C-alpha atoms as a PDB file:
ATOM      1  CA  MET A   1       0.228   0.231  -0.048  1.00  0.00           C
ATOM      2  CA  GLN A   2       1.317   3.322  -0.706  1.00  0.00           C
ATOM      3  CA  LYS A   3      -0.099   6.772   0.418  1.00  0.00           C
ATOM      4  CA  PHE A   4      -1.553   9.056  -1.849  1.00  0.00           C
ATOM      5  CA  ILE A   5      -3.559  12.569  -1.746  1.00  0.00           C
ATOM      6  CA  ALA A   6      -6.434  13.531  -3.571  1.00  0.00           C
ATOM      7  CA  LEU A   7      -6.810  17.992  -4.597  1.00  0.00           C
ATOM      8  CA  LEU A   8     -10.351  18.529  -5.260  1.00  0.00           C
ATOM      9  CA  ARG A   9     -10.366  21.796  -6.672  1.00  0.00           C
ATOM     10  CA  GLY A  10     -14.094  23.793  -6.112  1.00  0.00           C
ATOM     11  CA  ILE A  11     -15.959  22.058  -3.531  1.00  0.00           C
ATOM     12  CA  ASN A  12     -17.346  23.613  -0.581  1.00  0.00           C
ATOM     13  CA  ILE A  13     -16.825  27.422  -2.066  1.00  0.00           C
ATOM     14  CA  ASN A  14     -19.415  30.001  -1.688  1.00  0.00           C
ATOM     15  CA  GLY A  15     -22.493  27.151  -1.352  1.00  0.00           C
ATOM     16  CA  LYS A  16     -21.273  25.800  -4.766  1.00  0.00           C
ATOM     17  CA  ASN A  17     -20.627  21.834  -4.844  1.00  0.00           C
ATOM     18  CA  LEU A  18     -21.447  21.016  -0.716  1.00  0.00           C
ATOM     19  CA  ILE A  19     -19.445  17.669  -0.153  1.00  0.00           C
ATOM     20  CA  LYS A  20     -19.167  16.843   3.536  1.00  0.00           C
ATOM     21  CA  MET A  21     -16.329  15.643   4.341  1.00  0.00           C
ATOM     22  CA  GLU A  22     -17.397  12.623   7.032  1.00  0.00           C
ATOM     23  CA  THR A  23     -20.094  11.681   3.508  1.00  0.00           C
ATOM     24  CA  LEU A  24     -17.287  12.195   1.270  1.00  0.00           C
ATOM     25  CA  ARG A  25     -14.779   9.465   3.678  1.00  0.00           C
ATOM     26  CA  THR A  26     -17.630   7.149   3.844  1.00  0.00           C
ATOM     27  CA  VAL A  27     -18.096   6.925   0.066  1.00  0.00           C
ATOM     28  CA  MET A  28     -14.702   6.511  -0.650  1.00  0.00           C
ATOM     29  CA  GLU A  29     -14.524   3.528   1.481  1.00  0.00           C
ATOM     30  CA  SER A  30     -17.322   1.687   0.208  1.00  0.00           C
ATOM     31  CA  GLU A  31     -15.662   2.281  -3.224  1.00  0.00           C
ATOM     32  CA  GLY A  32     -12.252   0.326  -1.858  1.00  0.00           C
ATOM     33  CA  PHE A  33     -10.089   3.268  -0.749  1.00  0.00           C
ATOM     34  CA  GLN A  34      -8.304   2.637   2.285  1.00  0.00           C
ATOM     35  CA  SER A  35      -7.873   4.265   5.652  1.00  0.00           C
ATOM     36  CA  VAL A  36      -9.140   7.025   3.795  1.00  0.00           C
ATOM     37  CA  GLU A  37      -8.967  11.020   5.700  1.00  0.00           C
ATOM     38  CA  THR A  38     -10.096  14.292   5.134  1.00  0.00           C
ATOM     39  CA  TYR A  39      -8.246  17.737   5.868  1.00  0.00           C
ATOM     40  CA  ILE A  40     -10.913  20.592   5.918  1.00  0.00           C
ATOM     41  CA  GLN A  41     -13.406  20.951   4.451  1.00  0.00           C
ATOM     42  CA  SER A  42     -11.333  22.336   1.102  1.00  0.00           C
ATOM     43  CA  GLY A  43     -11.183  18.584  -0.050  1.00  0.00           C
ATOM     44  CA  ASN A  44      -7.614  17.390   0.250  1.00  0.00           C
ATOM     45  CA  ILE A  45      -8.120  13.468   1.156  1.00  0.00           C
ATOM     46  CA  LEU A  46      -5.583  11.228   2.545  1.00  0.00           C
ATOM     47  CA  PHE A  47      -5.782   7.399   1.340  1.00  0.00           C
ATOM     48  CA  ASP A  48      -3.629   4.246   1.116  1.00  0.00           C
ATOM     49  CA  THR A  49      -4.113   2.110  -2.237  1.00  0.00           C
ATOM     50  CA  ASN A  50      -1.670  -0.863  -4.319  1.00  0.00           C
ATOM     51  CA  ASP A  51      -2.928   1.277  -7.284  1.00  0.00           C
ATOM     52  CA  PHE A  52       0.270   3.431  -8.216  1.00  0.00           C
ATOM     53  CA  ASP A  53      -1.181   4.700 -11.306  1.00  0.00           C
ATOM     54  CA  GLU A  54      -1.992   9.173 -10.107  1.00  0.00           C
ATOM     55  CA  LYS A  55      -4.542   9.277 -13.266  1.00  0.00           C
ATOM     56  CA  LYS A  56      -6.056   6.418 -12.966  1.00  0.00           C
ATOM     57  CA  GLN A  57      -6.659   7.329  -9.246  1.00  0.00           C
ATOM     58  CA  ALA A  58      -7.467  11.300 -10.078  1.00  0.00           C
ATOM     59  CA  LYS A  59     -10.808   9.655 -12.521  1.00  0.00           C
ATOM     60  CA  ARG A  60     -12.236   7.018 -10.536  1.00  0.00           C
ATOM     61  CA  ILE A  61     -12.722   9.825  -7.495  1.00  0.00           C
ATOM     62  CA  GLN A  62     -14.021  12.062 -10.089  1.00  0.00           C
ATOM     63  CA  GLU A  63     -16.435   9.331 -10.860  1.00  0.00           C
ATOM     64  CA  VAL A  64     -17.486   8.568  -7.519  1.00  0.00           C
ATOM     65  CA  ILE A  65     -18.187  12.180  -6.636  1.00  0.00           C
ATOM     66  CA  LYS A  66     -20.398  12.160 -10.115  1.00  0.00           C
ATOM     67  CA  LYS A  67     -22.476   8.628  -8.972  1.00  0.00           C
ATOM     68  CA  GLU A  68     -22.443  10.083  -5.132  1.00  0.00           C
ATOM     69  CA  PHE A  69     -22.836  13.882  -4.831  1.00  0.00           C
ATOM     70  CA  GLY A  70     -23.758  14.713  -8.660  1.00  0.00           C
ATOM     71  CA  TYR A  71     -20.470  17.034  -9.507  1.00  0.00           C
ATOM     72  CA  GLU A  72     -18.532  17.384 -11.991  1.00  0.00           C
ATOM     73  CA  VAL A  73     -15.082  17.817  -9.871  1.00  0.00           C
ATOM     74  CA  PRO A  74     -11.500  18.272 -11.357  1.00  0.00           C
ATOM     75  CA  VAL A  75      -9.030  15.713  -9.198  1.00  0.00           C
ATOM     76  CA  LEU A  76      -5.551  15.446  -8.455  1.00  0.00           C
ATOM     77  CA  VAL A  77      -3.643  13.546  -6.997  1.00  0.00           C
ATOM     78  CA  LEU A  78       0.019  12.694  -6.168  1.00  0.00           C
ATOM     79  CA  SER A  79       1.993  10.274  -3.778  1.00  0.00           C
ATOM     80  CA  THR A  80       3.419  11.769  -0.794  1.00  0.00           C
ATOM     81  CA  GLU A  81       6.864  11.548  -1.694  1.00  0.00           C
ATOM     82  CA  SER A  82       5.686  13.907  -4.600  1.00  0.00           C
ATOM     83  CA  LEU A  83       3.884  16.070  -2.794  1.00  0.00           C
ATOM     84  CA  ILE A  84       7.178  16.135  -0.321  1.00  0.00           C
ATOM     85  CA  LEU A  85       9.409  16.754  -3.699  1.00  0.00           C
ATOM     86  CA  LEU A  86       6.629  19.887  -4.659  1.00  0.00           C
ATOM     87  CA  VAL A  87       7.442  21.434  -1.905  1.00  0.00           C
ATOM     88  CA  ASP A  88      11.237  20.699  -0.966  1.00  0.00           C
ATOM     89  CA  ASN A  89      12.096  22.446  -4.643  1.00  0.00           C
ATOM     90  CA  ASN A  90       9.842  25.546  -3.492  1.00  0.00           C
ATOM     91  CA  PRO A  91      12.033  27.827  -5.229  1.00  0.00           C
ATOM     92  CA  PHE A  92      10.752  31.067  -2.465  1.00  0.00           C
ATOM     93  CA  ARG A  93      12.355  29.091   0.345  1.00  0.00           C
ATOM     94  CA  ASN A  94      15.705  30.097   0.949  1.00  0.00           C
ATOM     95  CA  ASP A  95      14.858  34.027   0.249  1.00  0.00           C
ATOM     96  CA  PRO A  96      14.844  35.565   3.552  1.00  0.00           C
ATOM     97  CA  THR A  97      12.170  38.325   2.568  1.00  0.00           C
ATOM     98  CA  LYS A  98       9.593  36.086   1.318  1.00  0.00           C
ATOM     99  CA  ASP A  99       7.161  35.345   4.278  1.00  0.00           C
ATOM    100  CA  LYS A 100       6.060  32.275   4.509  1.00  0.00           C
ATOM    101  CA  SER A 101       2.588  32.822   5.092  1.00  0.00           C
ATOM    102  CA  PHE A 102       2.373  33.781   1.908  1.00  0.00           C
ATOM    103  CA  TRP A 103       3.250  30.961  -0.228  1.00  0.00           C
ATOM    104  CA  HIS A 104       1.025  28.907  -2.371  1.00  0.00           C
ATOM    105  CA  LEU A 105       1.181  26.243  -4.284  1.00  0.00           C
ATOM    106  CA  THR A 106      -0.712  25.817  -7.554  1.00  0.00           C
ATOM    107  CA  ILE A 107      -0.522  22.134  -9.808  1.00  0.00           C
ATOM    108  CA  LEU A 108      -1.269  21.213 -12.976  1.00  0.00           C
ATOM    109  CA  GLU A 109      -2.826  18.543 -14.086  1.00  0.00           C
ATOM    110  CA  ALA A 110       0.380  18.065 -16.888  1.00  0.00           C
ATOM    111  CA  VAL A 111       3.944  20.754 -17.470  1.00  0.00           C
ATOM    112  CA  PRO A 112       1.858  22.937 -19.431  1.00  0.00           C
ATOM    113  CA  SER A 113       3.741  25.189 -23.159  1.00  0.00           C
ATOM    114  CA  ILE A 114       6.469  27.006 -22.148  1.00  0.00           C
ATOM    115  CA  GLU A 115       5.617  29.159 -25.074  1.00  0.00           C
ATOM    116  CA  ILE A 116       2.898  30.560 -23.685  1.00  0.00           C
ATOM    117  CA  LEU A 117       4.790  31.092 -19.974  1.00  0.00           C
ATOM    118  CA  GLY A 118       6.571  33.439 -21.779  1.00  0.00           C
ATOM    119  CA  LYS A 119       3.480  35.070 -23.549  1.00  0.00           C
ATOM    120  CA  ILE A 120       2.778  36.253 -20.018  1.00  0.00           C
ATOM    121  CA  ASN A 121       3.578  40.167 -18.717  1.00  0.00           C
ATOM    122  CA  VAL A 122       5.409  39.356 -15.391  1.00  0.00           C
ATOM    123  CA  SER A 123       5.393  42.816 -14.348  1.00  0.00           C
ATOM    124  CA  LYS A 124       1.567  42.899 -14.593  1.00  0.00           C
ATOM    125  CA  TYR A 125       1.361  40.783 -11.407  1.00  0.00           C
ATOM    126  CA  LEU A 126       3.411  42.641  -9.484  1.00  0.00           C
ATOM    127  CA  PRO A 127       3.796  42.545  -6.575  1.00  0.00           C
ATOM    128  CA  ASP A 128       2.940  38.828  -7.085  1.00  0.00           C
ATOM    129  CA  GLU A 129       5.261  36.432  -7.915  1.00  0.00           C
ATOM    130  CA  PHE A 130       5.870  32.955  -9.241  1.00  0.00           C
ATOM    131  CA  ILE A 131       7.995  30.715 -10.972  1.00  0.00           C
ATOM    132  CA  LEU A 132       7.126  27.441 -12.956  1.00  0.00           C
ATOM    133  CA  LEU A 133       8.758  24.242 -12.549  1.00  0.00           C
ATOM    134  CA  GLU A 134       7.628  21.561 -14.737  1.00  0.00           C
ATOM    135  CA  ASN A 135       3.318  21.441 -13.276  1.00  0.00           C
ATOM    136  CA  ALA A 136       4.041  23.446 -10.523  1.00  0.00           C
ATOM    137  CA  ILE A 137       3.165  26.703  -9.906  1.00  0.00           C
ATOM    138  CA  TYR A 138       4.878  28.325  -6.921  1.00  0.00           C
ATOM    139  CA  LEU A 139       3.298  31.514  -5.871  1.00  0.00           C
ATOM    140  CA  TYR A 140       4.691  34.018  -3.740  1.00  0.00           C
ATOM    141  CA  CYS A 141       1.398  37.167  -3.093  1.00  0.00           C
ATOM    142  CA  PRO A 142       1.946  39.380  -0.427  1.00  0.00           C
ATOM    143  CA  ARG A 143      -1.296  41.025  -0.317  1.00  0.00           C
ATOM    144  CA  GLY A 144      -2.488  37.735  -0.294  1.00  0.00           C
ATOM    145  CA  TYR A 145      -4.012  34.718  -2.899  1.00  0.00           C
ATOM    146  CA  GLY A 146      -7.828  36.757  -2.316  1.00  0.00           C
ATOM    147  CA  GLN A 147      -6.481  39.864  -3.433  1.00  0.00           C
ATOM    148  CA  THR A 148      -4.153  37.737  -6.122  1.00  0.00           C
ATOM    149  CA  LYS A 149      -4.845  37.653 -10.132  1.00  0.00           C
ATOM    150  CA  LEU A 150      -2.861  34.471 -10.409  1.00  0.00           C
ATOM    151  CA  THR A 151      -5.836  32.316  -9.763  1.00  0.00           C
ATOM    152  CA  ASN A 152      -6.435  28.624 -10.573  1.00  0.00           C
ATOM    153  CA  ASN A 153      -9.266  30.417 -12.991  1.00  0.00           C
ATOM    154  CA  PHE A 154      -6.116  32.557 -14.723  1.00  0.00           C
ATOM    155  CA  TRP A 155      -3.998  29.698 -14.742  1.00  0.00           C
ATOM    156  CA  GLU A 156      -6.445  27.126 -16.574  1.00  0.00           C
ATOM    157  CA  SER A 157      -7.758  30.076 -19.202  1.00  0.00           C
ATOM    158  CA  LYS A 158      -3.654  30.397 -20.053  1.00  0.00           C
ATOM    159  CA  PHE A 159      -2.512  27.057 -20.010  1.00  0.00           C
ATOM    160  CA  ASN A 160      -5.824  24.561 -21.089  1.00  0.00           C
ATOM    161  CA  LEU A 161      -5.385  22.621 -18.324  1.00  0.00           C
ATOM    162  CA  CYS A 162      -6.732  21.860 -14.860  1.00  0.00           C
ATOM    163  CA  ALA A 163      -5.431  24.067 -12.068  1.00  0.00           C
ATOM    164  CA  THR A 164      -5.494  23.716  -7.774  1.00  0.00           C
ATOM    165  CA  THR A 165      -4.056  25.803  -5.378  1.00  0.00           C
ATOM    166  CA  ARG A 166      -3.228  25.216  -1.711  1.00  0.00           C
ATOM    167  CA  ASN A 167      -0.808  27.528   0.354  1.00  0.00           C
ATOM    168  CA  TRP A 168       1.806  26.423   2.651  1.00  0.00           C
ATOM    169  CA  LYS A 169       0.092  26.000   5.779  1.00  0.00           C
ATOM    170  CA  THR A 170      -2.711  23.076   4.045  1.00  0.00           C
ATOM    171  CA  LEU A 171       0.497  21.957   2.134  1.00  0.00           C
ATOM    172  CA  GLU A 172       2.258  21.103   5.523  1.00  0.00           C
ATOM    173  CA  LYS A 173      -0.191  19.676   7.171  1.00  0.00           C
ATOM    174  CA  LEU A 174      -1.241  17.315   4.419  1.00  0.00           C
ATOM    175  CA  ILE A 175       2.591  15.758   4.665  1.00  0.00           C
ATOM    176  CA  ASN A 176       2.406  15.323   8.288  1.00  0.00           C
ATOM    177  CA  LEU A 177      -0.903  13.660   7.940  1.00  0.00           C
ATOM    178  CA  ALA A 178       0.609  11.119   5.353  1.00  0.00           C
ATOM    179  CA  ASN A 179       3.391  10.610   6.983  1.00  0.00           C
ATOM    180  CA  SER A 180       1.907  10.126  10.640  1.00  0.00           C
END
């Protein structure tokens, strides 16, 4: 068995796509997922499985949510090791001027086209900063994520890929939960 983390996009926000985490845990366990845990209401699920195919697991969870709750919810699945690697590779880590409480990570479903990235006028989004490494966009939003234009919708419209974002505190908590 290996521990995986599913990141759901767009549930329990502004009264839309409401899913109680207790109900979601029960449904996932009934569908054969093992050791299911959830963290906060925004859609973070930890589970064990012998099937190491992250894309297959994401599709399976999407199908379960559609069947049980009637919602089309994008889902990204990462192994614990993959999430740890993303967190460890944060390019803002060694910059003492970047307050950790303003770090966020946007994860894309695939590696985007670098050509498109080159067309984004970085100065237009200051003081927010971003660095793309493979399928991860590291964000520094000193006014808070609620004030940035560098949202999931922004990245999805630019790259035509599913995106989901978590703050640094949530990422660290997910890793701690996965390792406990």
